Amino acid sequence: MRIPEDAVLLRIFLGENDRFGGKPLYEAIVLKAREVGLAGATVLRGPMGFGRSSRLHTAKLERLSEDLPFVVEIVDSKENVDGFVPLLDEMFTGSGSSGLVTWETVKVLRYGKW
């Protein structure tokens, strides 16, 4: 039986066109998470969504969309996520991008070699 561990899920909502340091912001976030040794990060691309402006972004063929929604998910210990959030603040502030970050406690089951 695997025993669940407490962890934090950091979910970052942003747009495809958001940039930081000459590259997509979602890419910069993942590379920074890797650089500081976080457990892992995944980027999810959304085919449809809207945000603060209520402007609909969609990947439908009849309407070529720009700035599709992206979500970066990072799961790690509370301590490691606490240390990463100031770096995330710098990336959003430095890029002038807007986004939404959610943070929730999760249970993690680990399988395989750790």
C-alpha atoms as a PDB file:
ATOM      1  CA  MET A   1       0.000   0.000   0.000  1.00  0.00           C
ATOM      2  CA  ARG A   2       1.313   3.427  -0.954  1.00  0.00           C
ATOM      3  CA  ILE A   3       1.089   6.122   1.711  1.00  0.00           C
ATOM      4  CA  PRO A   4      -0.022   9.543   0.399  1.00  0.00           C
ATOM      5  CA  GLU A   5       2.284  12.483   1.019  1.00  0.00           C
ATOM      6  CA  ASP A   6       1.172  16.086   1.403  1.00  0.00           C
ATOM      7  CA  ALA A   7       2.292  18.380  -1.408  1.00  0.00           C
ATOM      8  CA  VAL A   8       1.248  21.582  -3.150  1.00  0.00           C
ATOM      9  CA  LEU A   9      -0.146  21.910  -6.675  1.00  0.00           C
ATOM     10  CA  LEU A  10       0.685  25.254  -8.210  1.00  0.00           C
ATOM     11  CA  ARG A  11      -1.467  25.898 -11.286  1.00  0.00           C
ATOM     12  CA  ILE A  12      -0.528  28.880 -13.464  1.00  0.00           C
ATOM     13  CA  PHE A  13      -2.989  30.150 -16.088  1.00  0.00           C
ATOM     14  CA  LEU A  14      -1.524  32.322 -18.832  1.00  0.00           C
ATOM     15  CA  GLY A  15      -1.714  33.013 -22.542  1.00  0.00           C
ATOM     16  CA  GLU A  16       0.212  31.523 -25.424  1.00  0.00           C
ATOM     17  CA  ASN A  17       1.537  34.956 -26.426  1.00  0.00           C
ATOM     18  CA  ASP A  18       2.881  35.910 -22.975  1.00  0.00           C
ATOM     19  CA  ARG A  19       6.659  36.225 -23.139  1.00  0.00           C
ATOM     20  CA  PHE A  20       9.606  36.576 -20.761  1.00  0.00           C
ATOM     21  CA  GLY A  21      13.257  36.950 -21.702  1.00  0.00           C
ATOM     22  CA  GLY A  22      12.583  36.450 -25.401  1.00  0.00           C
ATOM     23  CA  LYS A  23      10.767  33.130 -25.017  1.00  0.00           C
ATOM     24  CA  PRO A  24       7.223  32.052 -24.187  1.00  0.00           C
ATOM     25  CA  LEU A  25       6.440  32.687 -20.517  1.00  0.00           C
ATOM     26  CA  TYR A  26       5.205  29.111 -20.011  1.00  0.00           C
ATOM     27  CA  GLU A  27       8.596  27.865 -21.241  1.00  0.00           C
ATOM     28  CA  ALA A  28      10.491  30.293 -19.007  1.00  0.00           C
ATOM     29  CA  ILE A  29       8.472  29.090 -15.991  1.00  0.00           C
ATOM     30  CA  VAL A  30       9.196  25.413 -16.688  1.00  0.00           C
ATOM     31  CA  LEU A  31      12.899  26.065 -17.278  1.00  0.00           C
ATOM     32  CA  LYS A  32      13.145  28.085 -14.047  1.00  0.00           C
ATOM     33  CA  ALA A  33      11.314  25.343 -12.115  1.00  0.00           C
ATOM     34  CA  ARG A  34      13.815  22.820 -13.447  1.00  0.00           C
ATOM     35  CA  GLU A  35      16.762  25.117 -12.699  1.00  0.00           C
ATOM     36  CA  VAL A  36      15.779  25.478  -9.036  1.00  0.00           C
ATOM     37  CA  GLY A  37      15.180  21.743  -8.671  1.00  0.00           C
ATOM     38  CA  LEU A  38      11.418  21.475  -8.362  1.00  0.00           C
ATOM     39  CA  ALA A  39       9.995  17.962  -8.654  1.00  0.00           C
ATOM     40  CA  GLY A  40       8.348  18.536 -12.025  1.00  0.00           C
ATOM     41  CA  ALA A  41       6.262  20.777 -14.239  1.00  0.00           C
ATOM     42  CA  THR A  42       3.803  20.132 -17.054  1.00  0.00           C
ATOM     43  CA  VAL A  43       2.397  22.535 -19.649  1.00  0.00           C
ATOM     44  CA  LEU A  44      -1.156  21.995 -20.870  1.00  0.00           C
ATOM     45  CA  ARG A  45      -2.515  23.790 -23.929  1.00  0.00           C
ATOM     46  CA  GLY A  46      -6.193  24.651 -23.884  1.00  0.00           C
ATOM     47  CA  PRO A  47      -8.247  24.541 -27.085  1.00  0.00           C
ATOM     48  CA  MET A  48     -10.639  27.139 -25.716  1.00  0.00           C
ATOM     49  CA  GLY A  49     -10.909  29.625 -22.858  1.00  0.00           C
ATOM     50  CA  PHE A  50     -11.363  33.177 -21.709  1.00  0.00           C
ATOM     51  CA  GLY A  51      -9.910  35.288 -18.949  1.00  0.00           C
ATOM     52  CA  ARG A  52     -10.116  38.696 -17.376  1.00  0.00           C
ATOM     53  CA  SER A  53     -11.051  40.460 -20.619  1.00  0.00           C
ATOM     54  CA  SER A  54     -13.824  37.913 -21.387  1.00  0.00           C
ATOM     55  CA  ARG A  55     -12.405  37.656 -24.922  1.00  0.00           C
ATOM     56  CA  LEU A  56     -12.918  34.111 -26.166  1.00  0.00           C
ATOM     57  CA  HIS A  57      -9.807  32.296 -27.387  1.00  0.00           C
ATOM     58  CA  THR A  58     -10.444  29.170 -29.433  1.00  0.00           C
ATOM     59  CA  ALA A  59      -8.589  26.786 -31.730  1.00  0.00           C
ATOM     60  CA  LYS A  60     -11.595  26.210 -34.015  1.00  0.00           C
ATOM     61  CA  LEU A  61     -10.610  26.076 -37.666  1.00  0.00           C
ATOM     62  CA  GLU A  62     -13.094  28.669 -38.883  1.00  0.00           C
ATOM     63  CA  ARG A  63     -11.574  31.184 -36.511  1.00  0.00           C
ATOM     64  CA  LEU A  64      -7.815  31.145 -36.213  1.00  0.00           C
ATOM     65  CA  SER A  65      -7.145  32.127 -32.644  1.00  0.00           C
ATOM     66  CA  GLU A  66      -4.200  33.844 -31.166  1.00  0.00           C
ATOM     67  CA  ASP A  67      -3.172  33.608 -27.563  1.00  0.00           C
ATOM     68  CA  LEU A  68      -4.706  30.243 -26.657  1.00  0.00           C
ATOM     69  CA  PRO A  69      -4.872  29.444 -22.947  1.00  0.00           C
ATOM     70  CA  PHE A  70      -1.974  27.580 -21.372  1.00  0.00           C
ATOM     71  CA  VAL A  71      -1.727  26.062 -17.892  1.00  0.00           C
ATOM     72  CA  VAL A  72       1.529  25.175 -16.146  1.00  0.00           C
ATOM     73  CA  GLU A  73       1.164  22.682 -13.306  1.00  0.00           C
ATOM     74  CA  ILE A  74       3.890  22.191 -10.722  1.00  0.00           C
ATOM     75  CA  VAL A  75       3.694  19.739  -7.820  1.00  0.00           C
ATOM     76  CA  ASP A  76       6.236  19.815  -5.007  1.00  0.00           C
ATOM     77  CA  SER A  77       6.551  20.306  -1.265  1.00  0.00           C
ATOM     78  CA  LYS A  78       5.091  23.417   0.334  1.00  0.00           C
ATOM     79  CA  GLU A  79       8.584  24.641   1.197  1.00  0.00           C
ATOM     80  CA  ASN A  80       9.830  24.320  -2.386  1.00  0.00           C
ATOM     81  CA  VAL A  81       6.740  26.009  -3.847  1.00  0.00           C
ATOM     82  CA  ASP A  82       7.038  28.803  -1.255  1.00  0.00           C
ATOM     83  CA  GLY A  83      10.569  29.420  -2.542  1.00  0.00           C
ATOM     84  CA  PHE A  84       9.466  29.405  -6.184  1.00  0.00           C
ATOM     85  CA  VAL A  85       6.580  31.883  -5.939  1.00  0.00           C
ATOM     86  CA  PRO A  86       8.843  34.983  -5.651  1.00  0.00           C
ATOM     87  CA  LEU A  87      10.602  33.901  -8.872  1.00  0.00           C
ATOM     88  CA  LEU A  88       7.209  33.521 -10.520  1.00  0.00           C
ATOM     89  CA  ASP A  89       6.284  37.018  -9.314  1.00  0.00           C
ATOM     90  CA  GLU A  90       9.439  38.381 -10.966  1.00  0.00           C
ATOM     91  CA  MET A  91       8.611  36.679 -14.262  1.00  0.00           C
ATOM     92  CA  PHE A  92       5.065  38.051 -14.392  1.00  0.00           C
ATOM     93  CA  THR A  93       6.137  41.515 -13.258  1.00  0.00           C
ATOM     94  CA  GLY A  94       9.121  41.596 -15.621  1.00  0.00           C
ATOM     95  CA  SER A  95       7.078  40.497 -18.607  1.00  0.00           C
ATOM     96  CA  GLY A  96       4.097  42.761 -18.036  1.00  0.00           C
ATOM     97  CA  SER A  97       1.900  39.704 -18.565  1.00  0.00           C
ATOM     98  CA  SER A  98      -1.236  38.939 -16.672  1.00  0.00           C
ATOM     99  CA  GLY A  99      -2.224  35.549 -15.360  1.00  0.00           C
ATOM    100  CA  LEU A 100      -3.827  33.658 -12.539  1.00  0.00           C
ATOM    101  CA  VAL A 101      -2.129  31.332 -10.081  1.00  0.00           C
ATOM    102  CA  THR A 102      -3.935  28.839  -7.888  1.00  0.00           C
ATOM    103  CA  TRP A 103      -2.378  26.914  -5.077  1.00  0.00           C
ATOM    104  CA  GLU A 104      -3.866  23.889  -3.377  1.00  0.00           C
ATOM    105  CA  THR A 105      -2.818  21.149  -1.004  1.00  0.00           C
ATOM    106  CA  VAL A 106      -2.838  17.728  -2.643  1.00  0.00           C
ATOM    107  CA  LYS A 107      -2.013  14.149  -1.696  1.00  0.00           C
ATOM    108  CA  VAL A 108       0.694  12.521  -3.803  1.00  0.00           C
ATOM    109  CA  LEU A 109       1.187   8.811  -4.387  1.00  0.00           C
ATOM    110  CA  ARG A 110       4.611   7.962  -5.775  1.00  0.00           C
ATOM    111  CA  TYR A 111       5.213   4.966  -8.008  1.00  0.00           C
ATOM    112  CA  GLY A 112       8.418   3.683  -9.506  1.00  0.00           C
ATOM    113  CA  LYS A 113      11.926   4.760  -8.497  1.00  0.00           C
ATOM    114  CA  TRP A 114      12.257   7.954  -6.447  1.00  0.00           C
END
